[in-house]
N, C-alpha and C. Protein backbone atom coordinates (compact mmCIF):
# COMPACT_ATOMS: atom_id res chain seq x y z
N MET A 1 -15.72 -1.14 -0.14
CA MET A 1 -14.28 -1.18 -0.04
C MET A 1 -13.70 0.02 -0.79
N ILE A 2 -12.72 0.66 -0.19
CA ILE A 2 -12.08 1.82 -0.78
C ILE A 2 -11.12 1.38 -1.88
N ARG A 3 -11.14 2.13 -2.98
CA ARG A 3 -10.16 1.89 -4.04
C ARG A 3 -9.13 3.01 -3.93
N HIS A 4 -7.89 2.64 -3.73
CA HIS A 4 -6.82 3.61 -3.51
C HIS A 4 -6.16 4.01 -4.82
N ARG A 5 -5.89 5.30 -4.97
CA ARG A 5 -5.27 5.82 -6.19
C ARG A 5 -3.77 5.99 -5.97
N ILE A 6 -2.99 5.51 -6.93
CA ILE A 6 -1.53 5.65 -6.89
C ILE A 6 -1.12 6.57 -8.03
N GLU A 7 -0.39 7.62 -7.68
CA GLU A 7 0.16 8.52 -8.69
C GLU A 7 1.65 8.20 -8.82
N VAL A 8 2.10 8.10 -10.07
CA VAL A 8 3.49 7.71 -10.34
C VAL A 8 4.15 8.79 -11.19
N GLU A 9 5.38 9.13 -10.81
CA GLU A 9 6.14 10.08 -11.62
C GLU A 9 7.62 9.72 -11.59
N ARG A 10 8.31 10.15 -12.60
CA ARG A 10 9.75 9.91 -12.68
C ARG A 10 10.49 11.16 -12.24
N GLU A 11 11.43 10.99 -11.32
CA GLU A 11 12.23 12.09 -10.80
C GLU A 11 13.34 12.45 -11.80
N ASP A 12 13.91 13.62 -11.62
CA ASP A 12 15.00 14.07 -12.50
C ASP A 12 16.20 13.14 -12.48
N ASP A 13 16.42 12.46 -11.34
CA ASP A 13 17.57 11.56 -11.22
C ASP A 13 17.29 10.16 -11.76
N GLY A 14 16.09 9.95 -12.33
CA GLY A 14 15.76 8.66 -12.94
C GLY A 14 14.96 7.72 -12.07
N ARG A 15 14.90 8.00 -10.76
CA ARG A 15 14.12 7.13 -9.88
C ARG A 15 12.63 7.37 -10.11
N TRP A 16 11.84 6.36 -9.79
CA TRP A 16 10.39 6.47 -9.87
C TRP A 16 9.83 6.68 -8.47
N LEU A 17 8.80 7.50 -8.37
CA LEU A 17 8.11 7.76 -7.11
C LEU A 17 6.65 7.37 -7.27
N ALA A 18 6.18 6.49 -6.39
CA ALA A 18 4.77 6.09 -6.37
C ALA A 18 4.16 6.58 -5.06
N ASP A 19 3.03 7.27 -5.15
CA ASP A 19 2.36 7.84 -3.99
C ASP A 19 0.92 7.37 -3.95
N VAL A 20 0.57 6.64 -2.89
CA VAL A 20 -0.82 6.23 -2.69
C VAL A 20 -1.50 7.43 -2.02
N VAL A 21 -2.12 8.26 -2.83
CA VAL A 21 -2.60 9.56 -2.35
C VAL A 21 -3.73 9.44 -1.32
N THR A 22 -4.41 8.31 -1.29
CA THR A 22 -5.50 8.11 -0.34
C THR A 22 -5.03 7.58 1.01
N VAL A 23 -3.73 7.27 1.13
CA VAL A 23 -3.16 6.78 2.40
C VAL A 23 -1.97 7.66 2.74
N PRO A 24 -2.14 8.61 3.67
CA PRO A 24 -1.05 9.51 4.02
C PRO A 24 0.24 8.76 4.40
N GLY A 25 1.34 9.19 3.80
CA GLY A 25 2.63 8.59 4.11
C GLY A 25 2.98 7.36 3.30
N ALA A 26 2.06 6.89 2.48
CA ALA A 26 2.32 5.68 1.69
C ALA A 26 2.90 6.07 0.34
N MET A 27 4.19 6.31 0.33
CA MET A 27 4.89 6.63 -0.91
C MET A 27 6.23 5.93 -0.89
N ALA A 28 6.73 5.61 -2.09
CA ALA A 28 7.99 4.88 -2.16
C ALA A 28 8.70 5.16 -3.48
N TYR A 29 10.03 5.09 -3.41
CA TYR A 29 10.86 5.21 -4.60
C TYR A 29 11.23 3.81 -5.08
N GLY A 30 11.56 3.72 -6.37
CA GLY A 30 12.04 2.48 -6.93
C GLY A 30 12.89 2.73 -8.15
N GLU A 31 13.74 1.77 -8.46
CA GLU A 31 14.59 1.87 -9.64
C GLU A 31 13.76 1.78 -10.91
N THR A 32 12.62 1.08 -10.81
CA THR A 32 11.68 0.97 -11.93
C THR A 32 10.30 1.40 -11.45
N ARG A 33 9.42 1.67 -12.40
CA ARG A 33 8.04 2.05 -12.09
C ARG A 33 7.35 0.94 -11.28
N GLU A 34 7.54 -0.30 -11.71
CA GLU A 34 6.90 -1.44 -11.08
C GLU A 34 7.36 -1.63 -9.63
N ILE A 35 8.65 -1.45 -9.39
CA ILE A 35 9.18 -1.60 -8.03
C ILE A 35 8.61 -0.50 -7.13
N ALA A 36 8.57 0.73 -7.62
CA ALA A 36 8.01 1.82 -6.82
C ALA A 36 6.56 1.56 -6.46
N ILE A 37 5.77 1.10 -7.43
CA ILE A 37 4.36 0.80 -7.19
C ILE A 37 4.20 -0.32 -6.17
N ALA A 38 4.97 -1.40 -6.33
CA ALA A 38 4.89 -2.53 -5.41
C ALA A 38 5.24 -2.10 -3.98
N ARG A 39 6.27 -1.29 -3.84
CA ARG A 39 6.67 -0.83 -2.50
C ARG A 39 5.60 0.06 -1.89
N ALA A 40 5.03 0.96 -2.69
CA ALA A 40 3.99 1.85 -2.17
C ALA A 40 2.74 1.06 -1.76
N LYS A 41 2.40 0.03 -2.51
CA LYS A 41 1.24 -0.82 -2.15
C LYS A 41 1.49 -1.50 -0.81
N ARG A 42 2.70 -2.03 -0.61
CA ARG A 42 3.02 -2.69 0.67
C ARG A 42 2.91 -1.71 1.82
N ILE A 43 3.45 -0.52 1.64
CA ILE A 43 3.39 0.49 2.69
C ILE A 43 1.94 0.85 2.99
N ALA A 44 1.13 1.02 1.95
CA ALA A 44 -0.28 1.37 2.15
C ALA A 44 -1.00 0.28 2.93
N ILE A 45 -0.76 -0.97 2.58
CA ILE A 45 -1.41 -2.08 3.28
C ILE A 45 -0.99 -2.10 4.74
N LEU A 46 0.30 -1.88 5.01
CA LEU A 46 0.77 -1.84 6.39
C LEU A 46 0.15 -0.68 7.17
N GLU A 47 0.04 0.49 6.53
CA GLU A 47 -0.57 1.65 7.19
C GLU A 47 -2.03 1.39 7.52
N VAL A 48 -2.77 0.85 6.57
CA VAL A 48 -4.19 0.56 6.79
C VAL A 48 -4.34 -0.50 7.88
N THR A 49 -3.48 -1.51 7.85
CA THR A 49 -3.52 -2.56 8.87
C THR A 49 -3.24 -1.98 10.25
N ALA A 50 -2.22 -1.14 10.35
CA ALA A 50 -1.87 -0.54 11.64
C ALA A 50 -3.00 0.32 12.17
N ASN A 51 -3.69 1.03 11.28
CA ASN A 51 -4.79 1.89 11.71
C ASN A 51 -6.01 1.10 12.16
N ARG A 52 -6.13 -0.15 11.72
CA ARG A 52 -7.26 -0.99 12.13
C ARG A 52 -7.03 -1.63 13.49
N ALA A 53 -5.78 -1.73 13.88
CA ALA A 53 -5.45 -2.38 15.15
C ALA A 53 -5.68 -1.40 16.31
N ASP A 54 -6.05 -1.93 17.44
CA ASP A 54 -6.31 -1.11 18.63
C ASP A 54 -5.10 -1.02 19.55
N GLY A 55 -3.94 -1.38 19.09
CA GLY A 55 -2.73 -1.35 19.90
C GLY A 55 -1.77 -2.39 19.39
N PRO A 56 -0.70 -2.64 20.14
CA PRO A 56 0.27 -3.64 19.70
C PRO A 56 -0.40 -5.00 19.52
N LEU A 57 -0.02 -5.68 18.46
CA LEU A 57 -0.62 -6.97 18.16
C LEU A 57 0.33 -8.11 18.50
N SER A 58 -0.23 -9.18 19.02
CA SER A 58 0.54 -10.41 19.19
C SER A 58 0.71 -11.03 17.81
N VAL A 59 1.60 -11.97 17.68
CA VAL A 59 1.80 -12.63 16.39
C VAL A 59 0.50 -13.29 15.93
N GLU A 60 -0.20 -13.94 16.86
CA GLU A 60 -1.45 -14.62 16.51
C GLU A 60 -2.50 -13.62 16.03
N SER A 61 -2.60 -12.48 16.73
CA SER A 61 -3.57 -11.46 16.34
C SER A 61 -3.22 -10.85 14.99
N TYR A 62 -1.92 -10.64 14.76
CA TYR A 62 -1.48 -10.09 13.48
C TYR A 62 -1.84 -11.03 12.34
N ILE A 63 -1.58 -12.33 12.51
CA ILE A 63 -1.90 -13.31 11.48
C ILE A 63 -3.40 -13.35 11.23
N ALA A 64 -4.19 -13.32 12.29
CA ALA A 64 -5.65 -13.33 12.13
C ALA A 64 -6.12 -12.09 11.39
N LEU A 65 -5.56 -10.93 11.72
CA LEU A 65 -5.94 -9.69 11.06
C LEU A 65 -5.54 -9.72 9.58
N MET A 66 -4.34 -10.21 9.30
CA MET A 66 -3.91 -10.29 7.90
C MET A 66 -4.80 -11.24 7.10
N LYS A 67 -5.23 -12.34 7.69
CA LYS A 67 -6.14 -13.27 7.00
C LYS A 67 -7.48 -12.60 6.73
N GLU A 68 -7.96 -11.83 7.68
CA GLU A 68 -9.22 -11.10 7.51
C GLU A 68 -9.10 -10.09 6.37
N ILE A 69 -8.00 -9.35 6.37
CA ILE A 69 -7.79 -8.36 5.30
C ILE A 69 -7.65 -9.05 3.95
N GLU A 70 -6.89 -10.15 3.92
CA GLU A 70 -6.71 -10.89 2.68
C GLU A 70 -8.04 -11.37 2.13
N ALA A 71 -8.91 -11.86 3.01
CA ALA A 71 -10.23 -12.32 2.59
C ALA A 71 -11.05 -11.16 2.02
N GLU A 72 -10.92 -9.98 2.62
CA GLU A 72 -11.66 -8.81 2.15
C GLU A 72 -11.19 -8.35 0.78
N ILE A 73 -9.88 -8.42 0.53
CA ILE A 73 -9.36 -7.86 -0.71
C ILE A 73 -9.22 -8.87 -1.84
N ARG A 74 -9.42 -10.14 -1.56
CA ARG A 74 -9.26 -11.15 -2.60
C ARG A 74 -10.20 -10.84 -3.76
N GLY A 75 -9.64 -10.67 -4.91
CA GLY A 75 -10.44 -10.39 -6.10
C GLY A 75 -10.84 -8.94 -6.26
N ALA A 76 -10.58 -8.10 -5.29
CA ALA A 76 -10.97 -6.69 -5.38
C ALA A 76 -9.86 -5.88 -6.03
N GLU A 77 -10.24 -4.88 -6.75
CA GLU A 77 -9.28 -3.94 -7.34
C GLU A 77 -9.07 -2.82 -6.34
N LEU A 78 -8.02 -2.91 -5.52
CA LEU A 78 -7.78 -1.93 -4.47
C LEU A 78 -7.01 -0.71 -4.94
N PHE A 79 -6.23 -0.86 -6.00
CA PHE A 79 -5.36 0.22 -6.43
C PHE A 79 -5.62 0.58 -7.88
N GLU A 80 -5.61 1.86 -8.16
CA GLU A 80 -5.71 2.38 -9.51
C GLU A 80 -4.47 3.23 -9.75
N VAL A 81 -3.67 2.88 -10.75
CA VAL A 81 -2.42 3.57 -10.99
C VAL A 81 -2.63 4.67 -12.05
N LYS A 82 -2.18 5.88 -11.67
CA LYS A 82 -2.25 7.03 -12.59
C LYS A 82 -0.83 7.51 -12.85
N SER A 83 -0.50 7.72 -14.10
CA SER A 83 0.83 8.23 -14.46
C SER A 83 0.72 9.66 -14.91
């Protein structure tokens, strides 16, 4: 299982930016460091999920895929946060 690295920095305007550098496009801003990290993690999971699918998913297929992913990541350390 891949462990994804998140880099976090504070912008000049006070917002926090979290970037999951191992998942292109998975970056998010937040009012706090924790919010930025949580948003970036959600985006990364959605990106990885979308890349695993072979096309548009039905609701049933989406639920089944999410259960499969949840089973794979349960107890695993998927993200490492670097400041």
